[in-house]
Amino acid sequence: MFSFPFWHKLLLGLSGLIILFGVVMALTNGTSLFNLFHNQVAPVFWGAAAPDAALRRFQQ
């Protein structure tokens, strides 16, 4: 049980980083900072086709 505190701290730290990343994404949606991230991720989900107008309204 010696390594338990290490893994506990590691997982707690990683979950904190994931939460922080989600909060930053939620607060920067629609800004140029988020557009840099969105331009990298969108092609994975939508392929070469651009999202239609209904999807863009939903993302706002």
N, C-alpha and C. Protein backbone atom coordinates (compact mmCIF):
# COMPACT_ATOMS: atom_id res chain seq x y z
N MET A 1 0.82 -1.21 0.00
CA MET A 1 0.00 0.00 0.00
C MET A 1 0.85 1.26 0.00
N PHE A 2 2.14 1.10 -0.23
CA PHE A 2 3.04 2.25 -0.24
C PHE A 2 2.75 3.19 -1.41
N SER A 3 2.41 2.62 -2.57
CA SER A 3 2.23 3.45 -3.77
C SER A 3 0.84 4.07 -3.87
N PHE A 4 -0.06 3.74 -2.97
CA PHE A 4 -1.42 4.28 -3.06
C PHE A 4 -1.45 5.81 -3.01
N PRO A 5 -0.74 6.47 -2.08
CA PRO A 5 -0.79 7.94 -2.06
C PRO A 5 -0.30 8.57 -3.36
N PHE A 6 0.70 7.96 -4.00
CA PHE A 6 1.19 8.49 -5.27
C PHE A 6 0.10 8.45 -6.33
N TRP A 7 -0.54 7.29 -6.50
CA TRP A 7 -1.58 7.17 -7.52
C TRP A 7 -2.79 8.03 -7.19
N HIS A 8 -3.10 8.15 -5.93
CA HIS A 8 -4.22 9.00 -5.52
C HIS A 8 -3.95 10.45 -5.90
N LYS A 9 -2.75 10.93 -5.60
CA LYS A 9 -2.39 12.31 -5.94
C LYS A 9 -2.33 12.50 -7.45
N LEU A 10 -1.81 11.51 -8.16
CA LEU A 10 -1.72 11.61 -9.61
C LEU A 10 -3.11 11.70 -10.24
N LEU A 11 -4.01 10.82 -9.84
CA LEU A 11 -5.36 10.84 -10.41
C LEU A 11 -6.13 12.07 -10.00
N LEU A 12 -5.93 12.54 -8.79
CA LEU A 12 -6.59 13.77 -8.34
C LEU A 12 -6.09 14.97 -9.15
N GLY A 13 -4.79 15.02 -9.39
CA GLY A 13 -4.23 16.11 -10.19
C GLY A 13 -4.71 16.07 -11.63
N LEU A 14 -4.76 14.88 -12.23
CA LEU A 14 -5.23 14.76 -13.61
C LEU A 14 -6.71 15.13 -13.73
N SER A 15 -7.51 14.71 -12.76
CA SER A 15 -8.93 15.07 -12.82
C SER A 15 -9.10 16.57 -12.66
N GLY A 16 -8.28 17.19 -11.84
CA GLY A 16 -8.33 18.65 -11.71
C GLY A 16 -7.98 19.35 -13.01
N LEU A 17 -6.97 18.83 -13.72
CA LEU A 17 -6.61 19.41 -15.02
C LEU A 17 -7.72 19.24 -16.05
N ILE A 18 -8.37 18.11 -16.04
CA ILE A 18 -9.47 17.88 -16.98
C ILE A 18 -10.63 18.81 -16.68
N ILE A 19 -10.93 19.00 -15.40
CA ILE A 19 -12.00 19.93 -15.01
C ILE A 19 -11.64 21.35 -15.43
N LEU A 20 -10.41 21.76 -15.18
CA LEU A 20 -9.96 23.09 -15.56
C LEU A 20 -10.05 23.29 -17.07
N PHE A 21 -9.65 22.28 -17.84
CA PHE A 21 -9.73 22.36 -19.30
C PHE A 21 -11.18 22.52 -19.75
N GLY A 22 -12.11 21.80 -19.12
CA GLY A 22 -13.52 21.92 -19.46
C GLY A 22 -14.09 23.28 -19.14
N VAL A 23 -13.69 23.84 -18.01
CA VAL A 23 -14.16 25.18 -17.63
C VAL A 23 -13.62 26.23 -18.60
N VAL A 24 -12.35 26.10 -18.98
CA VAL A 24 -11.76 27.03 -19.94
C VAL A 24 -12.47 26.91 -21.29
N MET A 25 -12.78 25.69 -21.71
CA MET A 25 -13.52 25.52 -22.96
C MET A 25 -14.90 26.16 -22.89
N ALA A 26 -15.58 26.01 -21.77
CA ALA A 26 -16.92 26.57 -21.63
C ALA A 26 -16.88 28.10 -21.62
N LEU A 27 -15.86 28.68 -21.00
CA LEU A 27 -15.79 30.14 -20.90
C LEU A 27 -15.24 30.80 -22.15
N THR A 28 -14.47 30.09 -22.95
CA THR A 28 -13.87 30.70 -24.14
C THR A 28 -14.58 30.30 -25.42
N ASN A 29 -15.74 29.69 -25.33
CA ASN A 29 -16.48 29.30 -26.52
C ASN A 29 -16.85 30.55 -27.32
N GLY A 30 -16.56 30.53 -28.59
CA GLY A 30 -16.88 31.67 -29.46
C GLY A 30 -15.78 32.70 -29.54
N THR A 31 -14.68 32.53 -28.85
CA THR A 31 -13.56 33.47 -28.94
C THR A 31 -12.50 32.93 -29.88
N SER A 32 -11.53 33.77 -30.20
CA SER A 32 -10.47 33.33 -31.11
C SER A 32 -9.62 32.24 -30.47
N LEU A 33 -9.50 32.24 -29.15
CA LEU A 33 -8.75 31.18 -28.47
C LEU A 33 -9.41 29.83 -28.67
N PHE A 34 -10.73 29.77 -28.56
CA PHE A 34 -11.44 28.52 -28.77
C PHE A 34 -11.45 28.14 -30.25
N ASN A 35 -11.47 29.10 -31.14
CA ASN A 35 -11.47 28.79 -32.58
C ASN A 35 -10.20 28.05 -32.99
N LEU A 36 -9.07 28.34 -32.35
CA LEU A 36 -7.85 27.59 -32.64
C LEU A 36 -8.03 26.12 -32.30
N PHE A 37 -8.65 25.84 -31.16
CA PHE A 37 -8.91 24.46 -30.75
C PHE A 37 -9.97 23.83 -31.65
N HIS A 38 -11.01 24.58 -31.95
CA HIS A 38 -12.12 24.06 -32.77
C HIS A 38 -11.65 23.69 -34.17
N ASN A 39 -10.77 24.49 -34.75
CA ASN A 39 -10.28 24.19 -36.10
C ASN A 39 -9.48 22.90 -36.15
N GLN A 40 -8.89 22.49 -35.05
CA GLN A 40 -8.15 21.25 -35.01
C GLN A 40 -9.05 20.04 -34.77
N VAL A 41 -10.14 20.22 -34.02
CA VAL A 41 -11.00 19.11 -33.62
C VAL A 41 -12.14 18.87 -34.61
N ALA A 42 -12.68 19.91 -35.20
CA ALA A 42 -13.86 19.79 -36.06
C ALA A 42 -13.68 18.81 -37.22
N PRO A 43 -12.55 18.80 -37.92
CA PRO A 43 -12.42 17.85 -39.03
C PRO A 43 -12.51 16.38 -38.60
N VAL A 44 -12.17 16.09 -37.36
CA VAL A 44 -12.26 14.71 -36.88
C VAL A 44 -13.72 14.26 -36.84
N PHE A 45 -14.61 15.16 -36.44
CA PHE A 45 -16.02 14.81 -36.31
C PHE A 45 -16.80 15.01 -37.61
N TRP A 46 -16.48 16.04 -38.37
CA TRP A 46 -17.30 16.37 -39.54
C TRP A 46 -16.63 16.01 -40.85
N GLY A 47 -15.37 15.62 -40.83
CA GLY A 47 -14.67 15.30 -42.07
C GLY A 47 -14.41 16.55 -42.89
N ALA A 48 -14.42 16.40 -44.18
CA ALA A 48 -14.15 17.53 -45.07
C ALA A 48 -15.35 18.46 -45.19
N ALA A 49 -16.55 17.94 -44.91
CA ALA A 49 -17.76 18.76 -45.04
C ALA A 49 -17.87 19.73 -43.88
N ALA A 50 -18.23 20.94 -44.18
CA ALA A 50 -18.42 21.95 -43.13
C ALA A 50 -19.74 21.68 -42.42
N PRO A 51 -19.83 21.99 -41.13
CA PRO A 51 -21.10 21.80 -40.42
C PRO A 51 -22.17 22.72 -40.97
N ASP A 52 -23.40 22.24 -40.98
CA ASP A 52 -24.49 23.04 -41.53
C ASP A 52 -24.90 24.14 -40.55
N ALA A 53 -25.85 24.97 -40.97
CA ALA A 53 -26.26 26.15 -40.19
C ALA A 53 -26.89 25.75 -38.85
N ALA A 54 -27.65 24.68 -38.82
CA ALA A 54 -28.29 24.26 -37.56
C ALA A 54 -27.24 23.86 -36.54
N LEU A 55 -26.20 23.18 -36.97
CA LEU A 55 -25.15 22.77 -36.06
C LEU A 55 -24.36 23.99 -35.55
N ARG A 56 -24.09 24.94 -36.41
CA ARG A 56 -23.38 26.15 -35.98
C ARG A 56 -24.19 26.94 -34.96
N ARG A 57 -25.53 26.98 -35.14
CA ARG A 57 -26.38 27.65 -34.14
C ARG A 57 -26.34 26.89 -32.80
N PHE A 58 -26.33 25.57 -32.86
CA PHE A 58 -26.26 24.77 -31.65
C PHE A 58 -24.94 25.00 -30.90
N GLN A 59 -23.85 25.16 -31.64
CA GLN A 59 -22.55 25.37 -31.02
C GLN A 59 -22.43 26.72 -30.34
N GLN A 60 -23.25 27.67 -30.71
CA GLN A 60 -23.21 28.98 -30.08
C GLN A 60 -23.89 28.89 -28.76
